[in-house]
């Protein structure tokens, strides 16, 4: 039931109105998605008769398992939602100097510079950080935010123009990672790669892989290569559109 609460009652014991135990399993939805479940019990007595302890335990176990199943299914559905990340990048206008944007993905930088090869080391600048493009040239871009600034430098390894890098990196609107659910949104914002992430979630979390070594970014089955330096590489395995293996990927 959209935007409301639904429940299911399980009865046990004497059907007399004076003797019964009812376990009520309840859940609520928001925007058509399950966002919570629970269970409580109501018990009664008839003279000296009570519900057997083993029966009560079995009913409680069944109710708890049902609640867990509903909850896990809701989390999985939320995590699999697509926000049209790639289409949004394609359809958004080009980046121009003097305007304010939001980071489309996390990045890590050192000493005020960020090579667009996307080395994963230094200080984390999280997705949706609000920045202003102070300057945009053919080979570099300067962005500023409250308390800092960063020079983005293009390299031959990206296989992209500076304009393409800027568009992949910056959005006119915040990226709605909350649509993935609280757990996935926290992982993305913290830069934590987790097995089962979709392609768009991997890029939001880790940024874009090396362009010269990852030709299949838009493919549902590919190997994405990232780097922490000129000599250390990390390969992420994408299968059926999801992250299935990789260095420093949590289960």
C-alpha atoms as a PDB file:
ATOM      1  CA  UNK A   1       0.000   0.000   0.000  1.00  0.00           C
ATOM      2  CA  UNK A   2       1.731   3.185  -1.179  1.00  0.00           C
ATOM      3  CA  UNK A   3       2.537   5.656   1.539  1.00  0.00           C
ATOM      4  CA  UNK A   4       0.827   3.680   4.297  1.00  0.00           C
ATOM      5  CA  UNK A   5       1.017   0.745   6.664  1.00  0.00           C
ATOM      6  CA  UNK A   6      -0.016  -2.845   6.101  1.00  0.00           C
ATOM      7  CA  UNK A   7      -0.093  -5.763   8.538  1.00  0.00           C
ATOM      8  CA  UNK A   8      -0.681  -9.500   8.784  1.00  0.00           C
ATOM      9  CA  UNK A   9      -1.809 -11.336  11.944  1.00  0.00           C
ATOM     10  CA  UNK A  10      -0.920 -14.930  12.864  1.00  0.00           C
ATOM     11  CA  UNK A  11      -3.124 -16.558  15.555  1.00  0.00           C
ATOM     12  CA  UNK A  12      -2.283 -19.495  17.763  1.00  0.00           C
ATOM     13  CA  UNK A  13      -3.890 -21.294  20.694  1.00  0.00           C
ATOM     14  CA  UNK A  14      -7.529 -21.574  21.731  1.00  0.00           C
ATOM     15  CA  UNK A  15      -9.827 -19.685  19.333  1.00  0.00           C
ATOM     16  CA  UNK A  16     -11.886 -18.526  22.324  1.00  0.00           C
ATOM     17  CA  UNK A  17     -11.972 -14.752  22.557  1.00  0.00           C
ATOM     18  CA  UNK A  18     -10.540 -15.217  26.066  1.00  0.00           C
ATOM     19  CA  UNK A  19      -7.517 -17.253  24.984  1.00  0.00           C
ATOM     20  CA  UNK A  20      -5.371 -16.473  21.962  1.00  0.00           C
ATOM     21  CA  UNK A  21      -1.986 -15.207  20.939  1.00  0.00           C
ATOM     22  CA  UNK A  22      -1.646 -12.937  17.966  1.00  0.00           C
ATOM     23  CA  UNK A  23       1.621 -12.030  16.274  1.00  0.00           C
ATOM     24  CA  UNK A  24       1.208  -8.922  14.150  1.00  0.00           C
ATOM     25  CA  UNK A  25       3.692  -8.400  11.329  1.00  0.00           C
ATOM     26  CA  UNK A  26       3.614  -4.859  10.013  1.00  0.00           C
ATOM     27  CA  UNK A  27       5.450  -2.820   7.416  1.00  0.00           C
ATOM     28  CA  UNK A  28       5.335   0.599   5.827  1.00  0.00           C
ATOM     29  CA  UNK A  29       6.128   1.982   2.417  1.00  0.00           C
ATOM     30  CA  UNK A  30       7.269   5.288   0.991  1.00  0.00           C
ATOM     31  CA  UNK A  31       6.957   6.093  -2.709  1.00  0.00           C
ATOM     32  CA  UNK A  32       5.997   2.487  -3.360  1.00  0.00           C
ATOM     33  CA  UNK A  33       9.089   0.945  -1.714  1.00  0.00           C
ATOM     34  CA  UNK A  34       9.190  -1.009   1.540  1.00  0.00           C
ATOM     35  CA  UNK A  35      11.172   1.033   4.037  1.00  0.00           C
ATOM     36  CA  UNK A  36      10.471  -0.746   7.327  1.00  0.00           C
ATOM     37  CA  UNK A  37       9.014  -3.859   8.930  1.00  0.00           C
ATOM     38  CA  UNK A  38       8.258  -4.988  12.477  1.00  0.00           C
ATOM     39  CA  UNK A  39       6.502  -7.562  14.621  1.00  0.00           C
ATOM     40  CA  UNK A  40       4.740  -7.578  17.970  1.00  0.00           C
ATOM     41  CA  UNK A  41       2.663 -10.103  19.888  1.00  0.00           C
ATOM     42  CA  UNK A  42      -0.517 -10.027  21.909  1.00  0.00           C
ATOM     43  CA  UNK A  43      -1.203 -12.901  24.280  1.00  0.00           C
ATOM     44  CA  UNK A  44      -4.159 -13.913  26.454  1.00  0.00           C
ATOM     45  CA  UNK A  45      -5.090 -16.697  28.913  1.00  0.00           C
ATOM     46  CA  UNK A  46      -8.171 -18.880  29.450  1.00  0.00           C
ATOM     47  CA  UNK A  47      -8.471 -20.125  33.030  1.00  0.00           C
ATOM     48  CA  UNK A  48      -5.186 -22.013  33.678  1.00  0.00           C
ATOM     49  CA  UNK A  49      -4.376 -22.780  30.039  1.00  0.00           C
ATOM     50  CA  UNK A  50      -1.383 -21.091  28.404  1.00  0.00           C
ATOM     51  CA  UNK A  51       0.156 -21.207  24.933  1.00  0.00           C
ATOM     52  CA  UNK A  52       2.970 -23.818  24.824  1.00  0.00           C
ATOM     53  CA  UNK A  53       6.424 -22.232  24.962  1.00  0.00           C
ATOM     54  CA  UNK A  54       7.676 -24.178  21.906  1.00  0.00           C
ATOM     55  CA  UNK A  55       4.739 -23.012  19.802  1.00  0.00           C
ATOM     56  CA  UNK A  56       5.368 -19.409  20.748  1.00  0.00           C
ATOM     57  CA  UNK A  57       9.064 -19.721  19.872  1.00  0.00           C
ATOM     58  CA  UNK A  58       8.247 -21.193  16.456  1.00  0.00           C
ATOM     59  CA  UNK A  59       5.773 -18.422  15.710  1.00  0.00           C
ATOM     60  CA  UNK A  60       8.247 -15.743  16.760  1.00  0.00           C
ATOM     61  CA  UNK A  61      11.006 -17.281  14.628  1.00  0.00           C
ATOM     62  CA  UNK A  62       8.751 -17.447  11.580  1.00  0.00           C
ATOM     63  CA  UNK A  63       7.644 -13.853  12.047  1.00  0.00           C
ATOM     64  CA  UNK A  64      11.207 -12.582  12.475  1.00  0.00           C
ATOM     65  CA  UNK A  65      12.402 -14.453   9.384  1.00  0.00           C
ATOM     66  CA  UNK A  66       9.572 -12.969   7.351  1.00  0.00           C
ATOM     67  CA  UNK A  67      10.435  -9.476   8.547  1.00  0.00           C
ATOM     68  CA  UNK A  68      14.103  -9.979   7.710  1.00  0.00           C
ATOM     69  CA  UNK A  69      13.235 -11.265   4.237  1.00  0.00           C
ATOM     70  CA  UNK A  70      11.029  -8.264   3.535  1.00  0.00           C
ATOM     71  CA  UNK A  71      13.667  -5.865   4.838  1.00  0.00           C
ATOM     72  CA  UNK A  72      16.517  -7.386   2.833  1.00  0.00           C
ATOM     73  CA  UNK A  73      14.409  -7.441  -0.310  1.00  0.00           C
ATOM     74  CA  UNK A  74      13.609  -3.758   0.149  1.00  0.00           C
ATOM     75  CA  UNK A  75      17.295  -2.872   0.568  1.00  0.00           C
ATOM     76  CA  UNK A  76      18.235  -4.885  -2.523  1.00  0.00           C
ATOM     77  CA  UNK A  77      15.532  -3.210  -4.628  1.00  0.00           C
ATOM     78  CA  UNK A  78      16.642   0.255  -3.541  1.00  0.00           C
ATOM     79  CA  UNK A  79      20.302  -0.502  -4.302  1.00  0.00           C
ATOM     80  CA  UNK A  80      19.434  -1.703  -7.816  1.00  0.00           C
ATOM     81  CA  UNK A  81      17.539   1.445  -8.759  1.00  0.00           C
ATOM     82  CA  UNK A  82      19.065   3.374 -11.656  1.00  0.00           C
ATOM     83  CA  UNK A  83      19.014   7.166 -11.523  1.00  0.00           C
ATOM     84  CA  UNK A  84      19.829   7.528 -15.225  1.00  0.00           C
ATOM     85  CA  UNK A  85      23.374   8.635 -14.416  1.00  0.00           C
ATOM     86  CA  UNK A  86      24.873   8.173 -17.880  1.00  0.00           C
ATOM     87  CA  UNK A  87      21.898   9.660 -19.723  1.00  0.00           C
ATOM     88  CA  UNK A  88      21.995  12.688 -17.433  1.00  0.00           C
ATOM     89  CA  UNK A  89      25.652  13.291 -18.241  1.00  0.00           C
ATOM     90  CA  UNK A  90      24.894  13.039 -21.943  1.00  0.00           C
ATOM     91  CA  UNK A  91      21.913  15.393 -21.826  1.00  0.00           C
ATOM     92  CA  UNK A  92      23.239  18.045 -19.421  1.00  0.00           C
ATOM     93  CA  UNK A  93      24.708  21.245 -20.934  1.00  0.00           C
ATOM     94  CA  UNK A  94      28.462  21.710 -21.264  1.00  0.00           C
ATOM     95  CA  UNK A  95      30.390  23.094 -18.317  1.00  0.00           C
ATOM     96  CA  UNK A  96      31.282  26.793 -18.406  1.00  0.00           C
ATOM     97  CA  UNK A  97      33.532  28.917 -16.225  1.00  0.00           C
ATOM     98  CA  UNK A  98      31.921  31.101 -13.579  1.00  0.00           C
ATOM     99  CA  UNK A  99      29.044  28.759 -12.738  1.00  0.00           C
ATOM    100  CA  UNK A 100      28.372  26.564  -9.715  1.00  0.00           C
ATOM    101  CA  UNK A 101      28.138  22.769  -9.954  1.00  0.00           C
ATOM    102  CA  UNK A 102      28.187  19.583  -7.858  1.00  0.00           C
ATOM    103  CA  UNK A 103      30.674  16.727  -8.102  1.00  0.00           C
ATOM    104  CA  UNK A 104      29.205  13.740  -9.920  1.00  0.00           C
ATOM    105  CA  UNK A 105      31.656  11.370  -8.223  1.00  0.00           C
ATOM    106  CA  UNK A 106      34.208  11.149  -5.432  1.00  0.00           C
ATOM    107  CA  UNK A 107      37.832  11.985  -6.080  1.00  0.00           C
ATOM    108  CA  UNK A 108      41.044  12.036  -4.100  1.00  0.00           C
ATOM    109  CA  UNK A 109      43.650  14.747  -4.544  1.00  0.00           C
ATOM    110  CA  UNK A 110      47.078  15.807  -3.308  1.00  0.00           C
ATOM    111  CA  UNK A 111      48.674  19.251  -3.012  1.00  0.00           C
ATOM    112  CA  UNK A 112      45.810  21.044  -4.715  1.00  0.00           C
ATOM    113  CA  UNK A 113      45.954  19.089  -7.978  1.00  0.00           C
ATOM    114  CA  UNK A 114      44.048  16.171  -9.439  1.00  0.00           C
ATOM    115  CA  UNK A 115      45.345  14.393 -12.554  1.00  0.00           C
ATOM    116  CA  UNK A 116      42.310  13.215 -14.521  1.00  0.00           C
ATOM    117  CA  UNK A 117      43.879   9.765 -14.577  1.00  0.00           C
ATOM    118  CA  UNK A 118      42.068   9.612 -11.212  1.00  0.00           C
ATOM    119  CA  UNK A 119      44.776   8.379  -8.843  1.00  0.00           C
ATOM    120  CA  UNK A 120      43.098   7.147  -5.646  1.00  0.00           C
ATOM    121  CA  UNK A 121      45.271   8.713  -2.963  1.00  0.00           C
ATOM    122  CA  UNK A 122      45.345  11.807  -0.780  1.00  0.00           C
ATOM    123  CA  UNK A 123      42.310  13.717   0.518  1.00  0.00           C
ATOM    124  CA  UNK A 124      38.775  12.622  -0.324  1.00  0.00           C
ATOM    125  CA  UNK A 125      36.530  15.225  -1.962  1.00  0.00           C
ATOM    126  CA  UNK A 126      33.087  13.602  -1.825  1.00  0.00           C
ATOM    127  CA  UNK A 127      30.343  13.381  -4.398  1.00  0.00           C
ATOM    128  CA  UNK A 128      27.907  16.323  -4.383  1.00  0.00           C
ATOM    129  CA  UNK A 129      30.514  18.783  -3.088  1.00  0.00           C
ATOM    130  CA  UNK A 130      29.351  22.198  -4.293  1.00  0.00           C
ATOM    131  CA  UNK A 131      32.056  23.868  -6.401  1.00  0.00           C
ATOM    132  CA  UNK A 132      32.519  26.864  -8.673  1.00  0.00           C
ATOM    133  CA  UNK A 133      34.438  26.585 -11.944  1.00  0.00           C
ATOM    134  CA  UNK A 134      36.918  29.457 -11.695  1.00  0.00           C
ATOM    135  CA  UNK A 135      38.678  28.673 -14.974  1.00  0.00           C
ATOM    136  CA  UNK A 136      38.324  26.136 -17.795  1.00  0.00           C
ATOM    137  CA  UNK A 137      40.945  25.669 -20.494  1.00  0.00           C
ATOM    138  CA  UNK A 138      41.952  23.060 -23.067  1.00  0.00           C
ATOM    139  CA  UNK A 139      44.227  21.148 -20.683  1.00  0.00           C
ATOM    140  CA  UNK A 140      43.122  22.116 -17.173  1.00  0.00           C
ATOM    141  CA  UNK A 141      40.274  23.368 -15.003  1.00  0.00           C
ATOM    142  CA  UNK A 142      40.279  25.227 -11.695  1.00  0.00           C
ATOM    143  CA  UNK A 143      37.451  24.553  -9.236  1.00  0.00           C
ATOM    144  CA  UNK A 144      36.861  26.178  -5.867  1.00  0.00           C
ATOM    145  CA  UNK A 145      34.692  25.365  -2.862  1.00  0.00           C
ATOM    146  CA  UNK A 146      34.326  26.678   0.661  1.00  0.00           C
ATOM    147  CA  UNK A 147      37.745  26.118   2.175  1.00  0.00           C
ATOM    148  CA  UNK A 148      39.651  24.859  -0.843  1.00  0.00           C
ATOM    149  CA  UNK A 149      40.525  24.810  -4.510  1.00  0.00           C
ATOM    150  CA  UNK A 150      41.720  22.222  -6.982  1.00  0.00           C
ATOM    151  CA  UNK A 151      43.392  22.211 -10.381  1.00  0.00           C
ATOM    152  CA  UNK A 152      42.192  19.383 -12.619  1.00  0.00           C
ATOM    153  CA  UNK A 153      44.853  18.364 -15.136  1.00  0.00           C
ATOM    154  CA  UNK A 154      44.140  16.344 -18.261  1.00  0.00           C
ATOM    155  CA  UNK A 155      46.593  13.678 -19.438  1.00  0.00           C
ATOM    156  CA  UNK A 156      46.979  11.534 -22.537  1.00  0.00           C
ATOM    157  CA  UNK A 157      45.795   8.487 -20.567  1.00  0.00           C
ATOM    158  CA  UNK A 158      42.212   9.741 -20.218  1.00  0.00           C
ATOM    159  CA  UNK A 159      41.508   9.665 -23.965  1.00  0.00           C
ATOM    160  CA  UNK A 160      39.098  12.562 -23.358  1.00  0.00           C
ATOM    161  CA  UNK A 161      39.051  16.310 -23.933  1.00  0.00           C
ATOM    162  CA  UNK A 162      39.004  18.698 -20.983  1.00  0.00           C
ATOM    163  CA  UNK A 163      35.404  19.573 -21.838  1.00  0.00           C
ATOM    164  CA  UNK A 164      34.412  15.881 -21.639  1.00  0.00           C
ATOM    165  CA  UNK A 165      36.227  15.422 -18.337  1.00  0.00           C
ATOM    166  CA  UNK A 166      34.496  18.479 -16.894  1.00  0.00           C
ATOM    167  CA  UNK A 167      31.072  17.210 -17.961  1.00  0.00           C
ATOM    168  CA  UNK A 168      31.724  13.726 -16.546  1.00  0.00           C
ATOM    169  CA  UNK A 169      32.890  15.291 -13.304  1.00  0.00           C
ATOM    170  CA  UNK A 170      30.401  18.107 -12.679  1.00  0.00           C
ATOM    171  CA  UNK A 171      26.608  18.293 -12.529  1.00  0.00           C
ATOM    172  CA  UNK A 172      24.280  21.317 -12.406  1.00  0.00           C
ATOM    173  CA  UNK A 173      22.251  19.462  -9.757  1.00  0.00           C
ATOM    174  CA  UNK A 174      23.127  17.217  -6.796  1.00  0.00           C
ATOM    175  CA  UNK A 175      23.338  13.508  -7.638  1.00  0.00           C
ATOM    176  CA  UNK A 176      20.349  11.815  -5.900  1.00  0.00           C
ATOM    177  CA  UNK A 177      22.279   8.978  -4.262  1.00  0.00           C
ATOM    178  CA  UNK A 178      19.645   8.821  -1.507  1.00  0.00           C
ATOM    179  CA  UNK A 179      17.455   6.902  -3.953  1.00  0.00           C
ATOM    180  CA  UNK A 180      19.768   3.911  -3.482  1.00  0.00           C
ATOM    181  CA  UNK A 181      18.887   3.657   0.207  1.00  0.00           C
ATOM    182  CA  UNK A 182      20.834   4.748   3.286  1.00  0.00           C
ATOM    183  CA  UNK A 183      23.420   1.947   3.257  1.00  0.00           C
ATOM    184  CA  UNK A 184      24.392   2.274  -0.398  1.00  0.00           C
ATOM    185  CA  UNK A 185      24.363   6.084  -0.247  1.00  0.00           C
ATOM    186  CA  UNK A 186      26.763   5.983   2.714  1.00  0.00           C
ATOM    187  CA  UNK A 187      29.109   3.582   0.892  1.00  0.00           C
ATOM    188  CA  UNK A 188      29.140   5.787  -2.189  1.00  0.00           C
ATOM    189  CA  UNK A 189      29.765   9.010  -0.269  1.00  0.00           C
ATOM    190  CA  UNK A 190      32.553   7.341   1.742  1.00  0.00           C
ATOM    191  CA  UNK A 191      34.310   5.971  -1.331  1.00  0.00           C
ATOM    192  CA  UNK A 192      33.723   2.343  -0.324  1.00  0.00           C
ATOM    193  CA  UNK A 193      33.361  -0.119  -3.202  1.00  0.00           C
ATOM    194  CA  UNK A 194      30.995  -3.004  -2.454  1.00  0.00           C
ATOM    195  CA  UNK A 195      30.328  -6.162  -4.419  1.00  0.00           C
ATOM    196  CA  UNK A 196      27.001  -5.871  -6.252  1.00  0.00           C
ATOM    197  CA  UNK A 197      27.270  -2.156  -7.065  1.00  0.00           C
ATOM    198  CA  UNK A 198      25.971  -1.173 -10.493  1.00  0.00           C
ATOM    199  CA  UNK A 199      28.230   0.501 -13.075  1.00  0.00           C
ATOM    200  CA  UNK A 200      26.932   3.956 -12.231  1.00  0.00           C
ATOM    201  CA  UNK A 201      27.398   3.357  -8.502  1.00  0.00           C
ATOM    202  CA  UNK A 202      31.016   2.289  -9.062  1.00  0.00           C
ATOM    203  CA  UNK A 203      31.750   5.510 -10.946  1.00  0.00           C
ATOM    204  CA  UNK A 204      30.023   7.652  -8.313  1.00  0.00           C
ATOM    205  CA  UNK A 205      32.135   5.916  -5.674  1.00  0.00           C
ATOM    206  CA  UNK A 206      35.499   5.710  -7.415  1.00  0.00           C
ATOM    207  CA  UNK A 207      35.315   8.007 -10.429  1.00  0.00           C
ATOM    208  CA  UNK A 208      36.095   7.044 -14.030  1.00  0.00           C
ATOM    209  CA  UNK A 209      38.630   4.303 -14.831  1.00  0.00           C
ATOM    210  CA  UNK A 210      41.667   4.826 -17.046  1.00  0.00           C
ATOM    211  CA  UNK A 211      40.470   5.641 -20.545  1.00  0.00           C
ATOM    212  CA  UNK A 212      43.418   4.042 -22.341  1.00  0.00           C
ATOM    213  CA  UNK A 213      42.998   0.724 -20.505  1.00  0.00           C
ATOM    214  CA  UNK A 214      39.215   0.532 -20.101  1.00  0.00           C
ATOM    215  CA  UNK A 215      37.467   0.635 -23.478  1.00  0.00           C
ATOM    216  CA  UNK A 216      34.263  -0.990 -22.221  1.00  0.00           C
ATOM    217  CA  UNK A 217      32.873   1.438 -19.621  1.00  0.00           C
ATOM    218  CA  UNK A 218      29.432   1.326 -21.208  1.00  0.00           C
ATOM    219  CA  UNK A 219      29.449  -2.474 -21.471  1.00  0.00           C
ATOM    220  CA  UNK A 220      27.705  -4.667 -18.892  1.00  0.00           C
ATOM    221  CA  UNK A 221      30.654  -7.083 -18.988  1.00  0.00           C
ATOM    222  CA  UNK A 222      34.127  -5.569 -18.760  1.00  0.00           C
ATOM    223  CA  UNK A 223      37.276  -5.068 -16.737  1.00  0.00           C
ATOM    224  CA  UNK A 224      37.813  -1.543 -15.451  1.00  0.00           C
ATOM    225  CA  UNK A 225      41.350  -0.447 -14.627  1.00  0.00           C
ATOM    226  CA  UNK A 226      42.021   2.180 -11.961  1.00  0.00           C
ATOM    227  CA  UNK A 227      45.336   3.446 -10.599  1.00  0.00           C
ATOM    228  CA  UNK A 228      46.766   4.716  -7.331  1.00  0.00           C
ATOM    229  CA  UNK A 229      50.024   5.736  -9.042  1.00  0.00           C
ATOM    230  CA  UNK A 230      51.910   5.289 -12.310  1.00  0.00           C
ATOM    231  CA  UNK A 231      52.892   1.813 -11.188  1.00  0.00           C
ATOM    232  CA  UNK A 232      49.990   0.467  -9.093  1.00  0.00           C
ATOM    233  CA  UNK A 233      46.820  -0.610 -10.901  1.00  0.00           C
ATOM    234  CA  UNK A 234      43.493  -1.945  -9.618  1.00  0.00           C
ATOM    235  CA  UNK A 235      41.180  -4.012 -11.820  1.00  0.00           C
ATOM    236  CA  UNK A 236      37.422  -4.085 -11.202  1.00  0.00           C
ATOM    237  CA  UNK A 237      35.416  -6.885 -12.817  1.00  0.00           C
ATOM    238  CA  UNK A 238      31.962  -5.917 -14.106  1.00  0.00           C
ATOM    239  CA  UNK A 239      29.587  -8.754 -14.970  1.00  0.00           C
ATOM    240  CA  UNK A 240      25.944  -8.342 -16.006  1.00  0.00           C
ATOM    241  CA  UNK A 241      26.245  -4.663 -15.154  1.00  0.00           C
ATOM    242  CA  UNK A 242      27.442  -5.178 -11.576  1.00  0.00           C
ATOM    243  CA  UNK A 243      30.728  -5.184  -9.696  1.00  0.00           C
ATOM    244  CA  UNK A 244      31.636  -8.785  -8.881  1.00  0.00           C
ATOM    245  CA  UNK A 245      35.336  -8.615  -7.971  1.00  0.00           C
ATOM    246  CA  UNK A 246      38.225  -6.238  -7.527  1.00  0.00           C
ATOM    247  CA  UNK A 247      40.984  -5.085  -5.243  1.00  0.00           C
ATOM    248  CA  UNK A 248      39.745  -3.525  -1.990  1.00  0.00           C
ATOM    249  CA  UNK A 249      36.120  -4.399  -2.848  1.00  0.00           C
ATOM    250  CA  UNK A 250      34.010  -5.338   0.177  1.00  0.00           C
ATOM    251  CA  UNK A 251      31.684  -8.337   0.078  1.00  0.00           C
END
